[in-house]
Amino acid sequence: MLRLSRPLLYLLLGSLLPAAVEAAAIDSLKKFIQETRTVRANFEQTLYDRNARIVQESKGMMQFERPEKFRWSYENPYQQLIVGDGTQVWFYDSDLNQVTVRQFNIAIGSSPAALLAGSSTIEENFELVELGEQNNMEWLEAIPKNKEGAFEFIQMAFLRDGTLKYMALRDSFGQTTVLTFSSMDKNPALSPELFKFIPPDNADIISE
């Protein structure tokens, strides 16, 4: 899990002004998107409230295939599955046996999934700002151009070799979600079945 040192906490919460630096992180993001058609990685997710107190911790596996197909599987402490097939996004809560389905363009918008798995040019949906180097990683901030989305901004950190390591997301309630990626596999062979979802029998289905 990401340990929030004081300088990094300021960075995640958007309190540092971007410095005049070379576009290293933006170049890393563009290269990551250009060179990776599929990705599989483990993740740990930590939710902080507006006072930087931990609200929830979870972990699981993330997979995506461009354009616009992804699968986020939460394994601990609860099981939840989010599948985007390019047309719809399915949210499945196994404990409740409940499925929520939304139209893809409405559910995604200017979201992390759109940033990572989207097919359009990044600058069409996000304003990209360099945040400089912190903890030997290159940081950038992606500000959604659609101000009605769920997130105020998304921050990303890349290792020196171009591997995506962290994402930090501030929502409209002042909460910050930090995603820490590990065992990232670029361009693995992924089964098309991963990005298809069939609701389980007797599941409660809610369409939005």
Protein backbone atom coordinates (compact mmCIF):
# COMPACT_ATOMS: atom_id res chain seq x y z
CA MET A 1 0.00 0.00 0.00
CA LEU A 2 1.17 3.53 -0.71
CA ARG A 3 2.53 5.17 2.43
CA LEU A 4 1.57 8.83 2.38
CA SER A 5 4.64 10.85 3.25
CA ARG A 6 3.86 14.50 3.94
CA PRO A 7 5.10 15.85 0.57
CA LEU A 8 3.33 13.08 -1.34
CA LEU A 9 0.13 13.65 0.63
CA TYR A 10 0.20 17.28 -0.46
CA LEU A 11 0.75 16.12 -4.02
CA LEU A 12 -2.16 13.68 -3.93
CA LEU A 13 -4.50 16.23 -2.45
CA GLY A 14 -3.60 18.80 -5.06
CA SER A 15 -1.87 21.31 -2.78
CA LEU A 16 1.35 21.65 -4.74
CA LEU A 17 1.64 23.94 -7.70
CA PRO A 18 3.01 22.25 -10.83
CA ALA A 19 6.62 23.15 -11.49
CA ALA A 20 8.13 24.16 -14.80
CA VAL A 21 9.45 20.75 -15.81
CA GLU A 22 9.85 18.73 -18.96
CA ALA A 23 6.83 16.73 -20.09
CA ALA A 24 8.26 13.44 -18.85
CA ALA A 25 5.11 12.06 -17.23
CA ILE A 26 2.84 13.16 -20.09
CA ASP A 27 5.20 11.49 -22.55
CA SER A 28 5.15 8.34 -20.40
CA LEU A 29 1.33 8.32 -20.41
CA LYS A 30 1.12 8.77 -24.17
CA LYS A 31 3.72 6.05 -24.74
CA PHE A 32 1.90 3.75 -22.32
CA ILE A 33 -1.34 4.21 -24.26
CA GLN A 34 0.30 3.88 -27.68
CA GLU A 35 2.31 0.76 -26.87
CA THR A 36 -0.10 -1.22 -24.69
CA ARG A 37 -3.18 -2.71 -26.28
CA THR A 38 -3.90 -5.01 -23.33
CA VAL A 39 -2.89 -4.87 -19.68
CA ARG A 40 -3.24 -7.13 -16.66
CA ALA A 41 -2.21 -6.00 -13.18
CA ASN A 42 -2.94 -6.49 -9.51
CA PHE A 43 -4.06 -3.46 -7.55
CA GLU A 44 -4.51 -2.28 -3.99
CA GLN A 45 -7.07 0.45 -3.47
CA THR A 46 -7.23 2.82 -0.51
CA LEU A 47 -9.98 5.37 0.03
CA TYR A 48 -9.16 8.46 2.12
CA ASP A 49 -11.63 11.01 3.41
CA ARG A 50 -11.08 14.75 3.01
CA ASN A 51 -8.91 14.70 6.17
CA ALA A 52 -6.64 11.95 4.74
CA ARG A 53 -8.04 9.30 7.08
CA ILE A 54 -8.37 5.79 5.65
CA VAL A 55 -12.01 4.90 5.03
CA GLN A 56 -11.65 1.61 3.16
CA GLU A 57 -8.99 -0.72 1.75
CA SER A 58 -9.50 -3.33 -0.95
CA LYS A 59 -7.56 -5.20 -3.61
CA GLY A 60 -8.06 -7.19 -6.77
CA MET A 61 -7.10 -7.49 -10.45
CA MET A 62 -7.46 -5.05 -13.32
CA GLN A 63 -7.51 -6.02 -17.01
CA PHE A 64 -8.29 -3.98 -20.10
CA GLU A 65 -8.19 -4.18 -23.85
CA ARG A 66 -8.40 -1.20 -26.14
CA PRO A 67 -10.69 0.11 -27.32
CA GLU A 68 -12.99 0.50 -24.33
CA LYS A 69 -13.05 -2.98 -22.81
CA PHE A 70 -12.07 -3.53 -19.19
CA ARG A 71 -12.58 -5.76 -16.18
CA TRP A 72 -12.01 -4.72 -12.54
CA SER A 73 -12.35 -7.60 -10.10
CA TYR A 74 -12.37 -6.82 -6.37
CA GLU A 75 -11.44 -9.85 -4.28
CA ASN A 76 -10.94 -8.53 -0.76
CA PRO A 77 -12.57 -7.57 1.61
CA TYR A 78 -15.67 -8.05 -0.56
CA GLN A 79 -16.24 -9.44 -4.04
CA GLN A 80 -17.36 -7.04 -6.72
CA LEU A 81 -16.97 -7.11 -10.49
CA ILE A 82 -17.05 -4.23 -12.98
CA VAL A 83 -17.06 -5.16 -16.67
CA GLY A 84 -17.10 -2.76 -19.61
CA ASP A 85 -17.83 -4.29 -23.03
CA GLY A 86 -17.72 -1.08 -25.06
CA THR A 87 -21.51 -0.73 -25.08
CA GLN A 88 -22.50 -1.19 -21.46
CA VAL A 89 -20.86 -1.26 -18.05
CA TRP A 90 -21.93 -3.97 -15.61
CA PHE A 91 -21.50 -3.63 -11.83
CA TYR A 92 -22.00 -6.91 -9.97
CA ASP A 93 -22.16 -7.24 -6.19
CA SER A 94 -21.97 -10.96 -5.40
CA ASP A 95 -22.99 -10.55 -1.75
CA LEU A 96 -26.23 -8.83 -2.74
CA ASN A 97 -26.55 -10.80 -5.99
CA GLN A 98 -27.30 -7.44 -7.59
CA VAL A 99 -26.35 -6.17 -11.04
CA THR A 100 -26.41 -2.53 -12.10
CA VAL A 101 -26.05 -1.87 -15.82
CA ARG A 102 -25.38 1.52 -17.40
CA GLN A 103 -24.75 2.75 -20.91
CA PHE A 104 -21.02 2.84 -21.56
CA ASN A 105 -20.70 6.51 -22.50
CA ILE A 106 -22.73 7.59 -19.43
CA ALA A 107 -20.98 5.32 -16.93
CA ILE A 108 -17.46 6.05 -18.14
CA GLY A 109 -17.26 9.71 -19.09
CA SER A 110 -13.98 11.20 -17.88
CA SER A 111 -13.05 8.29 -15.63
CA PRO A 112 -9.89 6.27 -14.96
CA ALA A 113 -11.17 3.53 -17.24
CA ALA A 114 -11.65 6.06 -20.04
CA LEU A 115 -8.13 7.34 -19.50
CA LEU A 116 -6.53 3.88 -19.59
CA ALA A 117 -8.75 1.92 -21.98
CA GLY A 118 -10.22 4.67 -24.13
CA SER A 119 -9.73 4.87 -27.86
CA SER A 120 -9.84 8.63 -28.31
CA THR A 121 -7.01 11.12 -28.05
CA ILE A 122 -6.26 11.85 -24.39
CA GLU A 123 -6.43 15.62 -24.80
CA GLU A 124 -10.01 15.37 -26.09
CA ASN A 125 -11.24 14.48 -22.60
CA PHE A 126 -8.49 15.65 -20.25
CA GLU A 127 -6.24 18.60 -19.66
CA LEU A 128 -2.81 17.18 -18.78
CA VAL A 129 -0.52 18.97 -16.33
CA GLU A 130 3.00 17.96 -15.31
CA LEU A 131 3.54 17.73 -11.53
CA GLY A 132 7.25 16.94 -11.64
CA GLU A 133 9.22 14.15 -9.99
CA GLN A 134 8.38 12.82 -6.53
CA ASN A 135 9.83 9.70 -4.85
CA ASN A 136 11.72 8.81 -8.06
CA MET A 137 8.49 8.77 -10.05
CA GLU A 138 7.12 11.09 -12.71
CA TRP A 139 3.71 12.54 -11.81
CA LEU A 140 1.02 14.17 -13.89
CA GLU A 141 -2.50 15.40 -13.33
CA ALA A 142 -5.39 14.74 -15.72
CA ILE A 143 -8.25 17.21 -15.28
CA PRO A 144 -11.53 16.14 -16.94
CA LYS A 145 -12.87 18.70 -19.39
CA ASN A 146 -16.36 17.47 -18.59
CA LYS A 147 -16.97 19.20 -15.26
CA GLU A 148 -20.07 17.08 -14.59
CA GLY A 149 -18.05 13.89 -14.13
CA ALA A 150 -17.48 12.04 -10.87
CA PHE A 151 -13.84 13.13 -10.47
CA GLU A 152 -12.24 16.54 -10.03
CA PHE A 153 -8.87 15.23 -11.16
CA ILE A 154 -6.81 12.08 -11.63
CA GLN A 155 -3.10 11.96 -10.78
CA MET A 156 -0.79 9.29 -12.15
CA ALA A 157 2.77 8.24 -11.37
CA PHE A 158 5.14 6.38 -13.69
CA LEU A 159 8.36 4.62 -12.80
CA ARG A 160 11.51 5.49 -14.73
CA ASP A 161 10.91 2.54 -17.07
CA GLY A 162 7.46 3.87 -18.01
CA THR A 163 5.45 1.45 -15.85
CA LEU A 164 2.29 2.90 -14.35
CA LYS A 165 2.58 2.56 -10.56
CA TYR A 166 -0.04 4.80 -8.93
CA MET A 167 -3.29 6.56 -9.67
CA ALA A 168 -4.89 9.04 -7.26
CA LEU A 169 -8.43 10.29 -7.83
CA ARG A 170 -10.19 13.15 -6.04
CA ASP A 171 -13.99 12.97 -6.21
CA SER A 172 -16.57 15.70 -5.80
CA PHE A 173 -16.96 14.84 -2.09
CA GLY A 174 -13.31 15.57 -1.35
CA GLN A 175 -12.39 11.91 -0.99
CA THR A 176 -9.19 10.57 -2.56
CA THR A 177 -8.85 7.06 -3.95
CA VAL A 178 -5.31 5.75 -4.37
CA LEU A 179 -4.64 2.77 -6.64
CA THR A 180 -1.29 0.99 -6.35
CA PHE A 181 -0.48 -1.35 -9.25
CA SER A 182 1.84 -4.37 -9.12
CA SER A 183 2.80 -7.30 -11.36
CA MET A 184 1.77 -5.27 -14.41
CA ASP A 185 1.83 -7.33 -17.59
CA LYS A 186 1.72 -5.35 -20.83
CA ASN A 187 0.10 -6.82 -23.95
CA PRO A 188 -0.83 -10.25 -22.55
CA ALA A 189 -3.22 -12.48 -24.50
CA LEU A 190 -6.63 -11.91 -22.90
CA SER A 191 -9.71 -14.00 -23.61
CA PRO A 192 -12.64 -12.07 -25.17
CA GLU A 193 -14.86 -13.76 -22.58
CA LEU A 194 -13.30 -11.60 -19.86
CA PHE A 195 -15.12 -8.59 -21.26
CA LYS A 196 -18.54 -10.21 -21.51
CA PHE A 197 -20.95 -10.33 -18.60
CA ILE A 198 -23.98 -12.58 -18.20
CA PRO A 199 -26.03 -11.81 -15.06
CA PRO A 200 -26.27 -14.78 -12.68
CA ASP A 201 -29.60 -16.54 -12.27
CA ASN A 202 -32.02 -14.79 -9.93
CA ALA A 203 -29.85 -11.68 -9.75
CA ASP A 204 -31.60 -8.38 -9.12
CA ILE A 205 -30.90 -6.26 -12.24
CA ILE A 206 -31.07 -2.48 -12.14
CA SER A 207 -30.76 -0.44 -15.33
CA GLU A 208 -29.72 3.19 -15.18
